[in-house]
Amino acid sequence: MNVRLLADERDREVLTGLIHRVLLAFLAAAIGIIAVLLLGTGGGPMVTDSISLYALFGYNLLVVAGILALRVLAAIFRHPR
């Protein structure tokens, strides 16, 4: 009996989709952690009277991390089983 792993195109598609979801989830987590670290860091140049440049970058990265996380969740729930 000869068995070849990933010989079928469907097997490769499933594995590729899984890898993409894992990478997007990892990216969302890493960006979220960086955003929290930036928000927790005091100081930096002031953009306005009440917000620093680090906080501005932190809030923007937090939005990006949220969008990536929602994209992963949408891909998981949309995927037919």
PDB file of N, CA and C in Angstrom:
ATOM      1  N   MET A   1       0.844  -1.160   0.000  1.00  0.00           N
ATOM      2  CA  MET A   1       0.000   0.000   0.000  1.00  0.00           C
ATOM      3  C   MET A   1       0.895   1.231   0.000  1.00  0.00           C
ATOM      4  N   ASN A   2       0.641   2.132  -0.917  1.00  0.00           N
ATOM      5  CA  ASN A   2       1.433   3.355  -1.051  1.00  0.00           C
ATOM      6  C   ASN A   2       0.565   4.550  -0.653  1.00  0.00           C
ATOM      7  N   VAL A   3       0.979   5.266   0.379  1.00  0.00           N
ATOM      8  CA  VAL A   3       0.228   6.420   0.860  1.00  0.00           C
ATOM      9  C   VAL A   3       1.086   7.663   0.714  1.00  0.00           C
ATOM     10  N   ARG A   4       0.553   8.639   0.011  1.00  0.00           N
ATOM     11  CA  ARG A   4       1.269   9.918  -0.150  1.00  0.00           C
ATOM     12  C   ARG A   4       0.508  10.984   0.616  1.00  0.00           C
ATOM     13  N   LEU A   5       1.211  11.641   1.521  1.00  0.00           N
ATOM     14  CA  LEU A   5       0.589  12.717   2.276  1.00  0.00           C
ATOM     15  C   LEU A   5       0.367  13.919   1.375  1.00  0.00           C
ATOM     16  N   LEU A   6      -0.772  14.548   1.517  1.00  0.00           N
ATOM     17  CA  LEU A   6      -1.141  15.760   0.785  1.00  0.00           C
ATOM     18  C   LEU A   6      -1.135  15.576  -0.726  1.00  0.00           C
ATOM     19  N   ALA A   7      -1.426  14.370  -1.171  1.00  0.00           N
ATOM     20  CA  ALA A   7      -1.489  14.124  -2.614  1.00  0.00           C
ATOM     21  C   ALA A   7      -2.757  14.720  -3.216  1.00  0.00           C
ATOM     22  N   ASP A   8      -3.795  14.794  -2.423  1.00  0.00           N
ATOM     23  CA  ASP A   8      -5.062  15.334  -2.896  1.00  0.00           C
ATOM     24  C   ASP A   8      -5.089  16.848  -2.695  1.00  0.00           C
ATOM     25  N   GLU A   9      -5.635  17.542  -3.642  1.00  0.00           N
ATOM     26  CA  GLU A   9      -5.715  19.016  -3.581  1.00  0.00           C
ATOM     27  C   GLU A   9      -6.552  19.478  -2.397  1.00  0.00           C
ATOM     28  N   ARG A  10      -7.589  18.744  -2.061  1.00  0.00           N
ATOM     29  CA  ARG A  10      -8.439  19.124  -0.924  1.00  0.00           C
ATOM     30  C   ARG A  10      -7.681  19.079   0.391  1.00  0.00           C
ATOM     31  N   ASP A  11      -6.788  18.100   0.526  1.00  0.00           N
ATOM     32  CA  ASP A  11      -5.972  18.014   1.738  1.00  0.00           C
ATOM     33  C   ASP A  11      -5.055  19.232   1.864  1.00  0.00           C
ATOM     34  N   ARG A  12      -4.475  19.634   0.759  1.00  0.00           N
ATOM     35  CA  ARG A  12      -3.596  20.812   0.773  1.00  0.00           C
ATOM     36  C   ARG A  12      -4.382  22.082   1.080  1.00  0.00           C
ATOM     37  N   GLU A  13      -5.603  22.194   0.575  1.00  0.00           N
ATOM     38  CA  GLU A  13      -6.433  23.370   0.859  1.00  0.00           C
ATOM     39  C   GLU A  13      -6.801  23.456   2.335  1.00  0.00           C
ATOM     40  N   VAL A  14      -7.132  22.318   2.929  1.00  0.00           N
ATOM     41  CA  VAL A  14      -7.468  22.296   4.355  1.00  0.00           C
ATOM     42  C   VAL A  14      -6.265  22.706   5.185  1.00  0.00           C
ATOM     43  N   LEU A  15      -5.101  22.165   4.868  1.00  0.00           N
ATOM     44  CA  LEU A  15      -3.893  22.494   5.613  1.00  0.00           C
ATOM     45  C   LEU A  15      -3.496  23.953   5.425  1.00  0.00           C
ATOM     46  N   THR A  16      -3.618  24.464   4.215  1.00  0.00           N
ATOM     47  CA  THR A  16      -3.297  25.865   3.950  1.00  0.00           C
ATOM     48  C   THR A  16      -4.241  26.800   4.697  1.00  0.00           C
ATOM     49  N   GLY A  17      -5.523  26.488   4.696  1.00  0.00           N
ATOM     50  CA  GLY A  17      -6.492  27.305   5.432  1.00  0.00           C
ATOM     51  C   GLY A  17      -6.220  27.301   6.922  1.00  0.00           C
ATOM     52  N   LEU A  18      -5.869  26.143   7.465  1.00  0.00           N
ATOM     53  CA  LEU A  18      -5.556  26.041   8.883  1.00  0.00           C
ATOM     54  C   LEU A  18      -4.317  26.857   9.235  1.00  0.00           C
ATOM     55  N   ILE A  19      -3.305  26.781   8.408  1.00  0.00           N
ATOM     56  CA  ILE A  19      -2.073  27.550   8.644  1.00  0.00           C
ATOM     57  C   ILE A  19      -2.352  29.036   8.568  1.00  0.00           C
ATOM     58  N   HIS A  20      -3.165  29.469   7.628  1.00  0.00           N
ATOM     59  CA  HIS A  20      -3.500  30.892   7.514  1.00  0.00           C
ATOM     60  C   HIS A  20      -4.226  31.382   8.757  1.00  0.00           C
ATOM     61  N   ARG A  21      -5.168  30.585   9.252  1.00  0.00           N
ATOM     62  CA  ARG A  21      -5.901  30.989  10.464  1.00  0.00           C
ATOM     63  C   ARG A  21      -4.993  31.055  11.678  1.00  0.00           C
ATOM     64  N   VAL A  22      -4.094  30.099  11.808  1.00  0.00           N
ATOM     65  CA  VAL A  22      -3.168  30.100  12.943  1.00  0.00           C
ATOM     66  C   VAL A  22      -2.236  31.306  12.866  1.00  0.00           C
ATOM     67  N   LEU A  23      -1.734  31.609  11.687  1.00  0.00           N
ATOM     68  CA  LEU A  23      -0.842  32.766  11.538  1.00  0.00           C
ATOM     69  C   LEU A  23      -1.574  34.083  11.813  1.00  0.00           C
ATOM     70  N   LEU A  24      -2.808  34.211  11.352  1.00  0.00           N
ATOM     71  CA  LEU A  24      -3.574  35.423  11.632  1.00  0.00           C
ATOM     72  C   LEU A  24      -3.864  35.568  13.118  1.00  0.00           C
ATOM     73  N   ALA A  25      -4.169  34.457  13.788  1.00  0.00           N
ATOM     74  CA  ALA A  25      -4.413  34.509  15.227  1.00  0.00           C
ATOM     75  C   ALA A  25      -3.143  34.891  15.976  1.00  0.00           C
ATOM     76  N   PHE A  26      -2.005  34.352  15.558  1.00  0.00           N
ATOM     77  CA  PHE A  26      -0.730  34.704  16.186  1.00  0.00           C
ATOM     78  C   PHE A  26      -0.406  36.172  15.970  1.00  0.00           C
ATOM     79  N   LEU A  27      -0.627  36.658  14.761  1.00  0.00           N
ATOM     80  CA  LEU A  27      -0.391  38.080  14.472  1.00  0.00           C
ATOM     81  C   LEU A  27      -1.295  38.978  15.307  1.00  0.00           C
ATOM     82  N   ALA A  28      -2.560  38.622  15.425  1.00  0.00           N
ATOM     83  CA  ALA A  28      -3.488  39.413  16.229  1.00  0.00           C
ATOM     84  C   ALA A  28      -3.049  39.440  17.686  1.00  0.00           C
ATOM     85  N   ALA A  29      -2.611  38.298  18.213  1.00  0.00           N
ATOM     86  CA  ALA A  29      -2.162  38.248  19.608  1.00  0.00           C
ATOM     87  C   ALA A  29      -0.899  39.065  19.815  1.00  0.00           C
ATOM     88  N   ALA A  30       0.055  38.950  18.892  1.00  0.00           N
ATOM     89  CA  ALA A  30       1.308  39.699  19.021  1.00  0.00           C
ATOM     90  C   ALA A  30       1.064  41.200  18.931  1.00  0.00           C
ATOM     91  N   ILE A  31       0.241  41.617  17.994  1.00  0.00           N
ATOM     92  CA  ILE A  31      -0.055  43.044  17.847  1.00  0.00           C
ATOM     93  C   ILE A  31      -0.825  43.547  19.056  1.00  0.00           C
ATOM     94  N   GLY A  32      -1.719  42.722  19.596  1.00  0.00           N
ATOM     95  CA  GLY A  32      -2.464  43.108  20.797  1.00  0.00           C
ATOM     96  C   GLY A  32      -1.545  43.294  21.995  1.00  0.00           C
ATOM     97  N   ILE A  33      -0.580  42.409  22.156  1.00  0.00           N
ATOM     98  CA  ILE A  33       0.372  42.536  23.263  1.00  0.00           C
ATOM     99  C   ILE A  33       1.227  43.782  23.101  1.00  0.00           C
ATOM    100  N   ILE A  34       1.680  44.046  21.890  1.00  0.00           N
ATOM    101  CA  ILE A  34       2.477  45.254  21.638  1.00  0.00           C
ATOM    102  C   ILE A  34       1.644  46.500  21.919  1.00  0.00           C
ATOM    103  N   ALA A  35       0.375  46.474  21.541  1.00  0.00           N
ATOM    104  CA  ALA A  35      -0.502  47.624  21.788  1.00  0.00           C
ATOM    105  C   ALA A  35      -0.661  47.881  23.278  1.00  0.00           C
ATOM    106  N   VAL A  36      -0.857  46.817  24.054  1.00  0.00           N
ATOM    107  CA  VAL A  36      -1.008  46.977  25.500  1.00  0.00           C
ATOM    108  C   VAL A  36       0.286  47.497  26.118  1.00  0.00           C
ATOM    109  N   LEU A  37       1.418  47.011  25.645  1.00  0.00           N
ATOM    110  CA  LEU A  37       2.700  47.511  26.153  1.00  0.00           C
ATOM    111  C   LEU A  37       2.887  48.992  25.827  1.00  0.00           C
ATOM    112  N   LEU A  38       2.507  49.389  24.631  1.00  0.00           N
ATOM    113  CA  LEU A  38       2.619  50.806  24.269  1.00  0.00           C
ATOM    114  C   LEU A  38       1.675  51.669  25.099  1.00  0.00           C
ATOM    115  N   LEU A  39       0.480  51.161  25.369  1.00  0.00           N
ATOM    116  CA  LEU A  39      -0.465  51.926  26.173  1.00  0.00           C
ATOM    117  C   LEU A  39      -0.006  52.039  27.625  1.00  0.00           C
ATOM    118  N   GLY A  40       0.700  51.024  28.103  1.00  0.00           N
ATOM    119  CA  GLY A  40       1.193  51.057  29.475  1.00  0.00           C
ATOM    120  C   GLY A  40       2.454  51.875  29.659  1.00  0.00           C
ATOM    121  N   THR A  41       3.136  52.179  28.563  1.00  0.00           N
ATOM    122  CA  THR A  41       4.367  52.955  28.638  1.00  0.00           C
ATOM    123  C   THR A  41       4.031  54.436  28.755  1.00  0.00           C
ATOM    124  N   GLY A  42       4.556  55.037  29.771  1.00  0.00           N
ATOM    125  CA  GLY A  42       4.338  56.474  29.924  1.00  0.00           C
ATOM    126  C   GLY A  42       5.383  57.259  29.149  1.00  0.00           C
ATOM    127  N   GLY A  43       5.098  58.506  28.958  1.00  0.00           N
ATOM    128  CA  GLY A  43       6.068  59.367  28.279  1.00  0.00           C
ATOM    129  C   GLY A  43       5.893  59.374  26.781  1.00  0.00           C
ATOM    130  N   GLY A  44       6.959  59.757  26.116  1.00  0.00           N
ATOM    131  CA  GLY A  44       6.919  59.889  24.675  1.00  0.00           C
ATOM    132  C   GLY A  44       6.508  61.289  24.272  1.00  0.00           C
ATOM    133  N   PRO A  45       6.708  61.619  23.016  1.00  0.00           N
ATOM    134  CA  PRO A  45       6.312  62.953  22.544  1.00  0.00           C
ATOM    135  C   PRO A  45       4.792  63.118  22.579  1.00  0.00           C
ATOM    136  N   MET A  46       4.363  64.284  22.920  1.00  0.00           N
ATOM    137  CA  MET A  46       2.932  64.568  23.026  1.00  0.00           C
ATOM    138  C   MET A  46       2.373  64.982  21.668  1.00  0.00           C
ATOM    139  N   VAL A  47       1.285  64.344  21.258  1.00  0.00           N
ATOM    140  CA  VAL A  47       0.611  64.694  20.016  1.00  0.00           C
ATOM    141  C   VAL A  47      -0.378  65.822  20.286  1.00  0.00           C
ATOM    142  N   THR A  48      -1.155  65.663  21.348  1.00  0.00           N
ATOM    143  CA  THR A  48      -2.044  66.725  21.816  1.00  0.00           C
ATOM    144  C   THR A  48      -1.722  66.954  23.292  1.00  0.00           C
ATOM    145  N   ASP A  49      -2.526  67.772  23.934  1.00  0.00           N
ATOM    146  CA  ASP A  49      -2.275  68.041  25.348  1.00  0.00           C
ATOM    147  C   ASP A  49      -2.508  66.815  26.227  1.00  0.00           C
ATOM    148  N   SER A  50      -3.338  65.888  25.782  1.00  0.00           N
ATOM    149  CA  SER A  50      -3.703  64.762  26.642  1.00  0.00           C
ATOM    150  C   SER A  50      -3.242  63.393  26.138  1.00  0.00           C
ATOM    151  N   ILE A  51      -2.733  63.276  24.922  1.00  0.00           N
ATOM    152  CA  ILE A  51      -2.358  61.967  24.379  1.00  0.00           C
ATOM    153  C   ILE A  51      -0.931  62.006  23.830  1.00  0.00           C
ATOM    154  N   SER A  52      -0.187  60.951  24.170  1.00  0.00           N
ATOM    155  CA  SER A  52       1.186  60.864  23.673  1.00  0.00           C
ATOM    156  C   SER A  52       1.218  60.051  22.378  1.00  0.00           C
ATOM    157  N   LEU A  53       2.352  60.083  21.720  1.00  0.00           N
ATOM    158  CA  LEU A  53       2.517  59.350  20.467  1.00  0.00           C
ATOM    159  C   LEU A  53       2.454  57.842  20.719  1.00  0.00           C
ATOM    160  N   TYR A  54       3.012  57.381  21.851  1.00  0.00           N
ATOM    161  CA  TYR A  54       2.951  55.958  22.185  1.00  0.00           C
ATOM    162  C   TYR A  54       1.505  55.503  22.377  1.00  0.00           C
ATOM    163  N   ALA A  55       0.715  56.305  23.048  1.00  0.00           N
ATOM    164  CA  ALA A  55      -0.691  55.951  23.257  1.00  0.00           C
ATOM    165  C   ALA A  55      -1.450  55.942  21.933  1.00  0.00           C
ATOM    166  N   LEU A  56      -1.140  56.878  21.057  1.00  0.00           N
ATOM    167  CA  LEU A  56      -1.799  56.924  19.752  1.00  0.00           C
ATOM    168  C   LEU A  56      -1.489  55.662  18.952  1.00  0.00           C
ATOM    169  N   PHE A  57      -0.208  55.268  18.925  1.00  0.00           N
ATOM    170  CA  PHE A  57       0.161  54.027  18.242  1.00  0.00           C
ATOM    171  C   PHE A  57      -0.488  52.823  18.915  1.00  0.00           C
ATOM    172  N   GLY A  58      -0.542  52.832  20.240  1.00  0.00           N
ATOM    173  CA  GLY A  58      -1.148  51.730  20.970  1.00  0.00           C
ATOM    174  C   GLY A  58      -2.616  51.556  20.646  1.00  0.00           C
ATOM    175  N   TYR A  59      -3.360  52.646  20.617  1.00  0.00           N
ATOM    176  CA  TYR A  59      -4.789  52.555  20.286  1.00  0.00           C
ATOM    177  C   TYR A  59      -4.997  52.084  18.846  1.00  0.00           C
ATOM    178  N   ASN A  60      -4.180  52.583  17.932  1.00  0.00           N
ATOM    179  CA  ASN A  60      -4.308  52.143  16.532  1.00  0.00           C
ATOM    180  C   ASN A  60      -3.982  50.658  16.385  1.00  0.00           C
ATOM    181  N   LEU A  61      -2.934  50.201  17.076  1.00  0.00           N
ATOM    182  CA  LEU A  61      -2.591  48.784  17.006  1.00  0.00           C
ATOM    183  C   LEU A  61      -3.649  47.917  17.672  1.00  0.00           C
ATOM    184  N   LEU A  62      -4.294  48.438  18.698  1.00  0.00           N
ATOM    185  CA  LEU A  62      -5.373  47.702  19.342  1.00  0.00           C
ATOM    186  C   LEU A  62      -6.547  47.502  18.389  1.00  0.00           C
ATOM    187  N   VAL A  63      -6.845  48.504  17.594  1.00  0.00           N
ATOM    188  CA  VAL A  63      -7.905  48.388  16.582  1.00  0.00           C
ATOM    189  C   VAL A  63      -7.511  47.356  15.523  1.00  0.00           C
ATOM    190  N   VAL A  64      -6.249  47.396  15.080  1.00  0.00           N
ATOM    191  CA  VAL A  64      -5.778  46.431  14.076  1.00  0.00           C
ATOM    192  C   VAL A  64      -5.848  45.010  14.631  1.00  0.00           C
ATOM    193  N   ALA A  65      -5.440  44.821  15.890  1.00  0.00           N
ATOM    194  CA  ALA A  65      -5.499  43.494  16.507  1.00  0.00           C
ATOM    195  C   ALA A  65      -6.944  43.009  16.613  1.00  0.00           C
ATOM    196  N   GLY A  66      -7.858  43.900  16.944  1.00  0.00           N
ATOM    197  CA  GLY A  66      -9.264  43.528  17.015  1.00  0.00           C
ATOM    198  C   GLY A  66      -9.819  43.117  15.665  1.00  0.00           C
ATOM    199  N   ILE A  67      -9.459  43.848  14.631  1.00  0.00           N
ATOM    200  CA  ILE A  67      -9.927  43.510  13.285  1.00  0.00           C
ATOM    201  C   ILE A  67      -9.381  42.157  12.845  1.00  0.00           C
ATOM    202  N   LEU A  68      -8.095  41.908  13.121  1.00  0.00           N
ATOM    203  CA  LEU A  68      -7.518  40.608  12.757  1.00  0.00           C
ATOM    204  C   LEU A  68      -8.178  39.470  13.532  1.00  0.00           C
ATOM    205  N   ALA A  69      -8.454  39.686  14.807  1.00  0.00           N
ATOM    206  CA  ALA A  69      -9.113  38.654  15.607  1.00  0.00           C
ATOM    207  C   ALA A  69     -10.523  38.385  15.096  1.00  0.00           C
ATOM    208  N   LEU A  70     -11.245  39.436  14.744  1.00  0.00           N
ATOM    209  CA  LEU A  70     -12.593  39.245  14.186  1.00  0.00           C
ATOM    210  C   LEU A  70     -12.539  38.524  12.839  1.00  0.00           C
ATOM    211  N   ARG A  71     -11.500  38.797  12.066  1.00  0.00           N
ATOM    212  CA  ARG A  71     -11.355  38.121  10.781  1.00  0.00           C
ATOM    213  C   ARG A  71     -11.118  36.620  10.974  1.00  0.00           C
ATOM    214  N   VAL A  72     -10.302  36.282  11.975  1.00  0.00           N
ATOM    215  CA  VAL A  72     -10.069  34.864  12.275  1.00  0.00           C
ATOM    216  C   VAL A  72     -11.366  34.199  12.730  1.00  0.00           C
ATOM    217  N   LEU A  73     -12.099  34.863  13.614  1.00  0.00           N
ATOM    218  CA  LEU A  73     -13.365  34.300  14.089  1.00  0.00           C
ATOM    219  C   LEU A  73     -14.371  34.131  12.950  1.00  0.00           C
ATOM    220  N   ALA A  74     -14.431  35.105  12.056  1.00  0.00           N
ATOM    221  CA  ALA A  74     -15.344  34.996  10.914  1.00  0.00           C
ATOM    222  C   ALA A  74     -14.950  33.831  10.011  1.00  0.00           C
ATOM    223  N   ALA A  75     -13.652  33.632   9.805  1.00  0.00           N
ATOM    224  CA  ALA A  75     -13.202  32.516   8.970  1.00  0.00           C
ATOM    225  C   ALA A  75     -13.514  31.177   9.618  1.00  0.00           C
ATOM    226  N   ILE A  76     -13.418  31.124  10.940  1.00  0.00           N
ATOM    227  CA  ILE A  76     -13.702  29.868  11.641  1.00  0.00           C
ATOM    228  C   ILE A  76     -15.185  29.531  11.566  1.00  0.00           C
ATOM    229  N   PHE A  77     -16.043  30.516  11.836  1.00  0.00           N
ATOM    230  CA  PHE A  77     -17.478  30.252  11.867  1.00  0.00           C
ATOM    231  C   PHE A  77     -18.088  30.136  10.465  1.00  0.00           C
ATOM    232  N   ARG A  78     -17.470  30.724   9.465  1.00  0.00           N
ATOM    233  CA  ARG A  78     -17.996  30.674   8.109  1.00  0.00           C
ATOM    234  C   ARG A  78     -17.619  29.377   7.410  1.00  0.00           C
ATOM    235  N   HIS A  79     -16.534  28.760   7.855  1.00  0.00           N
ATOM    236  CA  HIS A  79     -16.017  27.569   7.191  1.00  0.00           C
ATOM    237  C   HIS A  79     -16.986  26.399   7.348  1.00  0.00           C
ATOM    238  N   PRO A  80     -17.432  25.829   6.228  1.00  0.00           N
ATOM    239  CA  PRO A  80     -18.345  24.674   6.330  1.00  0.00           C
ATOM    240  C   PRO A  80     -17.595  23.431   6.797  1.00  0.00           C
ATOM    241  N   ARG A  81     -18.284  22.604   7.532  1.00  0.00           N
ATOM    242  CA  ARG A  81     -17.631  21.384   8.047  1.00  0.00           C
ATOM    243  C   ARG A  81     -18.026  20.183   7.247  1.00  0.00           C
TER     244      ARG A  81
END
